Amino acid sequence: MAKPWYNLLRRKFPATSFTGSPVLSDAGFDLLNQLLTYDPEKRITAEDALKHEWFREVPLPKSKVW
């Protein structure tokens, strides 16, 4: 997918914060853009979103401990 040039999401969710800690990786940014695509024909499906590489990045999601 081509990188969108028309939105300002990267400014709201930079790759790193002013302290250098991660805010939103490139994979996370890609998923966010695909989820927020206005045209439903071009928007990522829920099934494909759950298979997105962002969910395999470190740190991995943790299960809830009750």
PDB file of N, CA and C in Angstrom:
ATOM      1  N   MET A   1       0.850  -1.182   0.000  1.00  0.00           N
ATOM      2  CA  MET A   1       0.000   0.000   0.000  1.00  0.00           C
ATOM      3  C   MET A   1       0.897   1.248   0.000  1.00  0.00           C
ATOM      4  N   ALA A   2       0.541   2.198  -0.807  1.00  0.00           N
ATOM      5  CA  ALA A   2       1.311   3.438  -0.885  1.00  0.00           C
ATOM      6  C   ALA A   2       1.133   4.243   0.405  1.00  0.00           C
ATOM      7  N   LYS A   3       2.173   4.910   0.796  1.00  0.00           N
ATOM      8  CA  LYS A   3       2.096   5.740   2.005  1.00  0.00           C
ATOM      9  C   LYS A   3       1.229   6.959   1.722  1.00  0.00           C
ATOM     10  N   PRO A   4       0.212   7.185   2.555  1.00  0.00           N
ATOM     11  CA  PRO A   4      -0.644   8.345   2.321  1.00  0.00           C
ATOM     12  C   PRO A   4       0.102   9.645   2.589  1.00  0.00           C
ATOM     13  N   TRP A   5      -0.113  10.597   1.743  1.00  0.00           N
ATOM     14  CA  TRP A   5       0.559  11.895   1.881  1.00  0.00           C
ATOM     15  C   TRP A   5      -0.416  12.963   2.344  1.00  0.00           C
ATOM     16  N   TYR A   6      -1.695  12.612   2.382  1.00  0.00           N
ATOM     17  CA  TYR A   6      -2.748  13.597   2.555  1.00  0.00           C
ATOM     18  C   TYR A   6      -3.194  13.804   3.986  1.00  0.00           C
ATOM     19  N   ASN A   7      -2.715  13.024   4.938  1.00  0.00           N
ATOM     20  CA  ASN A   7      -3.178  13.219   6.308  1.00  0.00           C
ATOM     21  C   ASN A   7      -2.029  13.615   7.234  1.00  0.00           C
ATOM     22  N   LEU A   8      -2.373  14.007   8.409  1.00  0.00           N
ATOM     23  CA  LEU A   8      -1.376  14.463   9.377  1.00  0.00           C
ATOM     24  C   LEU A   8      -1.264  13.503  10.556  1.00  0.00           C
ATOM     25  N   LEU A   9      -1.658  12.255  10.345  1.00  0.00           N
ATOM     26  CA  LEU A   9      -1.617  11.278  11.433  1.00  0.00           C
ATOM     27  C   LEU A   9      -0.203  11.072  11.981  1.00  0.00           C
ATOM     28  N   ARG A  10       0.789  11.112  11.111  1.00  0.00           N
ATOM     29  CA  ARG A  10       2.164  10.877  11.586  1.00  0.00           C
ATOM     30  C   ARG A  10       2.572  11.961  12.574  1.00  0.00           C
ATOM     31  N   ARG A  11       2.061  13.149  12.437  1.00  0.00           N
ATOM     32  CA  ARG A  11       2.365  14.211  13.408  1.00  0.00           C
ATOM     33  C   ARG A  11       1.715  13.912  14.752  1.00  0.00           C
ATOM     34  N   LYS A  12       0.512  13.341  14.723  1.00  0.00           N
ATOM     35  CA  LYS A  12      -0.197  12.998  15.963  1.00  0.00           C
ATOM     36  C   LYS A  12       0.401  11.765  16.625  1.00  0.00           C
ATOM     37  N   PHE A  13       0.920  10.841  15.818  1.00  0.00           N
ATOM     38  CA  PHE A  13       1.476   9.590  16.318  1.00  0.00           C
ATOM     39  C   PHE A  13       2.884   9.400  15.759  1.00  0.00           C
ATOM     40  N   PRO A  14       3.858  10.142  16.279  1.00  0.00           N
ATOM     41  CA  PRO A  14       5.225  10.026  15.762  1.00  0.00           C
ATOM     42  C   PRO A  14       5.823   8.650  16.063  1.00  0.00           C
ATOM     43  N   ALA A  15       6.869   8.304  15.339  1.00  0.00           N
ATOM     44  CA  ALA A  15       7.533   7.017  15.555  1.00  0.00           C
ATOM     45  C   ALA A  15       8.149   6.960  16.950  1.00  0.00           C
ATOM     46  N   THR A  16       8.677   8.085  17.434  1.00  0.00           N
ATOM     47  CA  THR A  16       9.249   8.139  18.784  1.00  0.00           C
ATOM     48  C   THR A  16       8.822   9.434  19.465  1.00  0.00           C
ATOM     49  N   SER A  17       8.784   9.387  20.788  1.00  0.00           N
ATOM     50  CA  SER A  17       8.438  10.583  21.550  1.00  0.00           C
ATOM     51  C   SER A  17       9.677  11.447  21.743  1.00  0.00           C
ATOM     52  N   PHE A  18       9.513  12.574  22.393  1.00  0.00           N
ATOM     53  CA  PHE A  18      10.658  13.457  22.626  1.00  0.00           C
ATOM     54  C   PHE A  18      11.694  12.803  23.529  1.00  0.00           C
ATOM     55  N   THR A  19      11.298  11.765  24.276  1.00  0.00           N
ATOM     56  CA  THR A  19      12.258  11.049  25.128  1.00  0.00           C
ATOM     57  C   THR A  19      12.942   9.920  24.379  1.00  0.00           C
ATOM     58  N   GLY A  20      12.471   9.636  23.161  1.00  0.00           N
ATOM     59  CA  GLY A  20      13.057   8.564  22.366  1.00  0.00           C
ATOM     60  C   GLY A  20      12.313   7.244  22.500  1.00  0.00           C
ATOM     61  N   SER A  21      11.304   7.191  23.378  1.00  0.00           N
ATOM     62  CA  SER A  21      10.551   5.947  23.520  1.00  0.00           C
ATOM     63  C   SER A  21       9.563   5.820  22.365  1.00  0.00           C
ATOM     64  N   PRO A  22       9.261   4.584  21.967  1.00  0.00           N
ATOM     65  CA  PRO A  22       8.363   4.397  20.821  1.00  0.00           C
ATOM     66  C   PRO A  22       6.944   4.877  21.098  1.00  0.00           C
ATOM     67  N   VAL A  23       6.320   5.477  20.097  1.00  0.00           N
ATOM     68  CA  VAL A  23       4.931   5.907  20.188  1.00  0.00           C
ATOM     69  C   VAL A  23       4.091   5.039  19.250  1.00  0.00           C
ATOM     70  N   LEU A  24       4.408   5.055  17.973  1.00  0.00           N
ATOM     71  CA  LEU A  24       3.707   4.221  17.003  1.00  0.00           C
ATOM     72  C   LEU A  24       4.691   3.855  15.905  1.00  0.00           C
ATOM     73  N   SER A  25       4.923   2.564  15.763  1.00  0.00           N
ATOM     74  CA  SER A  25       5.872   2.081  14.755  1.00  0.00           C
ATOM     75  C   SER A  25       5.307   2.307  13.351  1.00  0.00           C
ATOM     76  N   ASP A  26       6.141   2.082  12.358  1.00  0.00           N
ATOM     77  CA  ASP A  26       5.689   2.209  10.971  1.00  0.00           C
ATOM     78  C   ASP A  26       4.576   1.205  10.668  1.00  0.00           C
ATOM     79  N   ALA A  27       4.686  -0.001  11.224  1.00  0.00           N
ATOM     80  CA  ALA A  27       3.635  -1.005  11.015  1.00  0.00           C
ATOM     81  C   ALA A  27       2.330  -0.563  11.678  1.00  0.00           C
ATOM     82  N   GLY A  28       2.419  -0.005  12.867  1.00  0.00           N
ATOM     83  CA  GLY A  28       1.231   0.503  13.548  1.00  0.00           C
ATOM     84  C   GLY A  28       0.604   1.652  12.787  1.00  0.00           C
ATOM     85  N   PHE A  29       1.433   2.505  12.253  1.00  0.00           N
ATOM     86  CA  PHE A  29       0.961   3.634  11.450  1.00  0.00           C
ATOM     87  C   PHE A  29       0.264   3.138  10.186  1.00  0.00           C
ATOM     88  N   ASP A  30       0.832   2.116   9.553  1.00  0.00           N
ATOM     89  CA  ASP A  30       0.234   1.538   8.361  1.00  0.00           C
ATOM     90  C   ASP A  30      -1.144   0.960   8.687  1.00  0.00           C
ATOM     91  N   LEU A  31      -1.257   0.210   9.775  1.00  0.00           N
ATOM     92  CA  LEU A  31      -2.544  -0.365  10.172  1.00  0.00           C
ATOM     93  C   LEU A  31      -3.556   0.735  10.474  1.00  0.00           C
ATOM     94  N   LEU A  32      -3.148   1.751  11.204  1.00  0.00           N
ATOM     95  CA  LEU A  32      -4.045   2.852  11.526  1.00  0.00           C
ATOM     96  C   LEU A  32      -4.584   3.514  10.256  1.00  0.00           C
ATOM     97  N   ASN A  33      -3.723   3.766   9.304  1.00  0.00           N
ATOM     98  CA  ASN A  33      -4.154   4.365   8.044  1.00  0.00           C
ATOM     99  C   ASN A  33      -5.125   3.462   7.292  1.00  0.00           C
ATOM    100  N   GLN A  34      -4.866   2.159   7.303  1.00  0.00           N
ATOM    101  CA  GLN A  34      -5.762   1.241   6.609  1.00  0.00           C
ATOM    102  C   GLN A  34      -7.120   1.151   7.301  1.00  0.00           C
ATOM    103  N   LEU A  35      -7.134   1.228   8.621  1.00  0.00           N
ATOM    104  CA  LEU A  35      -8.388   1.182   9.360  1.00  0.00           C
ATOM    105  C   LEU A  35      -9.204   2.461   9.185  1.00  0.00           C
ATOM    106  N   LEU A  36      -8.535   3.576   9.006  1.00  0.00           N
ATOM    107  CA  LEU A  36      -9.215   4.859   8.895  1.00  0.00           C
ATOM    108  C   LEU A  36      -9.495   5.282   7.454  1.00  0.00           C
ATOM    109  N   THR A  37      -9.289   4.381   6.511  1.00  0.00           N
ATOM    110  CA  THR A  37      -9.589   4.681   5.114  1.00  0.00           C
ATOM    111  C   THR A  37     -11.086   4.886   4.961  1.00  0.00           C
ATOM    112  N   TYR A  38     -11.468   5.994   4.370  1.00  0.00           N
ATOM    113  CA  TYR A  38     -12.881   6.377   4.265  1.00  0.00           C
ATOM    114  C   TYR A  38     -13.668   5.439   3.347  1.00  0.00           C
ATOM    115  N   ASP A  39     -13.124   5.101   2.206  1.00  0.00           N
ATOM    116  CA  ASP A  39     -13.815   4.258   1.231  1.00  0.00           C
ATOM    117  C   ASP A  39     -13.831   2.807   1.722  1.00  0.00           C
ATOM    118  N   PRO A  40     -15.010   2.245   2.001  1.00  0.00           N
ATOM    119  CA  PRO A  40     -15.073   0.883   2.525  1.00  0.00           C
ATOM    120  C   PRO A  40     -14.521  -0.168   1.570  1.00  0.00           C
ATOM    121  N   GLU A  41     -14.536   0.119   0.284  1.00  0.00           N
ATOM    122  CA  GLU A  41     -13.972  -0.824  -0.686  1.00  0.00           C
ATOM    123  C   GLU A  41     -12.450  -0.900  -0.571  1.00  0.00           C
ATOM    124  N   LYS A  42     -11.840   0.165  -0.072  1.00  0.00           N
ATOM    125  CA  LYS A  42     -10.378   0.219   0.066  1.00  0.00           C
ATOM    126  C   LYS A  42      -9.917  -0.051   1.495  1.00  0.00           C
ATOM    127  N   ARG A  43     -10.825   0.003   2.450  1.00  0.00           N
ATOM    128  CA  ARG A  43     -10.497  -0.181   3.871  1.00  0.00           C
ATOM    129  C   ARG A  43     -10.128  -1.634   4.151  1.00  0.00           C
ATOM    130  N   ILE A  44      -9.209  -1.852   5.074  1.00  0.00           N
ATOM    131  CA  ILE A  44      -8.798  -3.184   5.470  1.00  0.00           C
ATOM    132  C   ILE A  44      -9.960  -3.889   6.174  1.00  0.00           C
ATOM    133  N   THR A  45     -10.096  -5.185   5.940  1.00  0.00           N
ATOM    134  CA  THR A  45     -11.147  -5.943   6.611  1.00  0.00           C
ATOM    135  C   THR A  45     -10.701  -6.270   8.036  1.00  0.00           C
ATOM    136  N   ALA A  46     -11.653  -6.597   8.880  1.00  0.00           N
ATOM    137  CA  ALA A  46     -11.321  -6.969  10.263  1.00  0.00           C
ATOM    138  C   ALA A  46     -10.424  -8.201  10.273  1.00  0.00           C
ATOM    139  N   GLU A  47     -10.726  -9.153   9.416  1.00  0.00           N
ATOM    140  CA  GLU A  47      -9.921 -10.379   9.351  1.00  0.00           C
ATOM    141  C   GLU A  47      -8.477 -10.064   8.955  1.00  0.00           C
ATOM    142  N   ASP A  48      -8.308  -9.238   7.931  1.00  0.00           N
ATOM    143  CA  ASP A  48      -6.954  -8.866   7.500  1.00  0.00           C
ATOM    144  C   ASP A  48      -6.257  -7.998   8.540  1.00  0.00           C
ATOM    145  N   ALA A  49      -7.010  -7.149   9.215  1.00  0.00           N
ATOM    146  CA  ALA A  49      -6.416  -6.301  10.255  1.00  0.00           C
ATOM    147  C   ALA A  49      -5.830  -7.152  11.366  1.00  0.00           C
ATOM    148  N   LEU A  50      -6.527  -8.213  11.747  1.00  0.00           N
ATOM    149  CA  LEU A  50      -6.026  -9.086  12.812  1.00  0.00           C
ATOM    150  C   LEU A  50      -4.794  -9.872  12.391  1.00  0.00           C
ATOM    151  N   LYS A  51      -4.552  -9.976  11.095  1.00  0.00           N
ATOM    152  CA  LYS A  51      -3.361 -10.666  10.585  1.00  0.00           C
ATOM    153  C   LYS A  51      -2.210  -9.692  10.313  1.00  0.00           C
ATOM    154  N   HIS A  52      -2.426  -8.411  10.570  1.00  0.00           N
ATOM    155  CA  HIS A  52      -1.430  -7.386  10.258  1.00  0.00           C
ATOM    156  C   HIS A  52      -0.149  -7.602  11.061  1.00  0.00           C
ATOM    157  N   GLU A  53       0.967  -7.257  10.466  1.00  0.00           N
ATOM    158  CA  GLU A  53       2.275  -7.446  11.100  1.00  0.00           C
ATOM    159  C   GLU A  53       2.416  -6.698  12.422  1.00  0.00           C
ATOM    160  N   TRP A  54       1.663  -5.637  12.637  1.00  0.00           N
ATOM    161  CA  TRP A  54       1.770  -4.861  13.869  1.00  0.00           C
ATOM    162  C   TRP A  54       1.515  -5.731  15.098  1.00  0.00           C
ATOM    163  N   PHE A  55       0.625  -6.717  14.969  1.00  0.00           N
ATOM    164  CA  PHE A  55       0.299  -7.585  16.092  1.00  0.00           C
ATOM    165  C   PHE A  55       1.402  -8.596  16.397  1.00  0.00           C
ATOM    166  N   ARG A  56       2.433  -8.654  15.567  1.00  0.00           N
ATOM    167  CA  ARG A  56       3.566  -9.555  15.810  1.00  0.00           C
ATOM    168  C   ARG A  56       4.833  -8.807  16.211  1.00  0.00           C
ATOM    169  N   GLU A  57       4.715  -7.491  16.371  1.00  0.00           N
ATOM    170  CA  GLU A  57       5.877  -6.685  16.778  1.00  0.00           C
ATOM    171  C   GLU A  57       6.146  -6.824  18.274  1.00  0.00           C
ATOM    172  N   VAL A  58       7.366  -6.606  18.629  1.00  0.00           N
ATOM    173  CA  VAL A  58       7.746  -6.563  20.041  1.00  0.00           C
ATOM    174  C   VAL A  58       7.523  -5.147  20.541  1.00  0.00           C
ATOM    175  N   PRO A  59       6.909  -4.917  21.676  1.00  0.00           N
ATOM    176  CA  PRO A  59       6.428  -5.930  22.619  1.00  0.00           C
ATOM    177  C   PRO A  59       5.120  -6.543  22.150  1.00  0.00           C
ATOM    178  N   LEU A  60       5.019  -7.854  22.341  1.00  0.00           N
ATOM    179  CA  LEU A  60       3.815  -8.570  21.949  1.00  0.00           C
ATOM    180  C   LEU A  60       2.681  -8.255  22.916  1.00  0.00           C
ATOM    181  N   PRO A  61       1.437  -8.344  22.436  1.00  0.00           N
ATOM    182  CA  PRO A  61       0.304  -8.129  23.332  1.00  0.00           C
ATOM    183  C   PRO A  61       0.308  -9.162  24.445  1.00  0.00           C
ATOM    184  N   LYS A  62      -0.176  -8.791  25.589  1.00  0.00           N
ATOM    185  CA  LYS A  62      -0.247  -9.699  26.727  1.00  0.00           C
ATOM    186  C   LYS A  62      -1.699 -10.024  27.023  1.00  0.00           C
ATOM    187  N   SER A  63      -1.930 -11.247  27.468  1.00  0.00           N
ATOM    188  CA  SER A  63      -3.290 -11.613  27.832  1.00  0.00           C
ATOM    189  C   SER A  63      -3.614 -11.042  29.207  1.00  0.00           C
ATOM    190  N   LYS A  64      -4.900 -10.782  29.439  1.00  0.00           N
ATOM    191  CA  LYS A  64      -5.322 -10.246  30.734  1.00  0.00           C
ATOM    192  C   LYS A  64      -5.152 -11.311  31.807  1.00  0.00           C
ATOM    193  N   VAL A  65      -4.689 -10.897  32.941  1.00  0.00           N
ATOM    194  CA  VAL A  65      -4.560 -11.803  34.064  1.00  0.00           C
ATOM    195  C   VAL A  65      -5.570 -11.359  35.108  1.00  0.00           C
ATOM    196  N   TRP A  66      -6.488 -12.236  35.443  1.00  0.00           N
ATOM    197  CA  TRP A  66      -7.531 -11.884  36.402  1.00  0.00           C
ATOM    198  C   TRP A  66      -7.206 -12.339  37.761  1.00  0.00           C
TER     199      TRP A  66
END
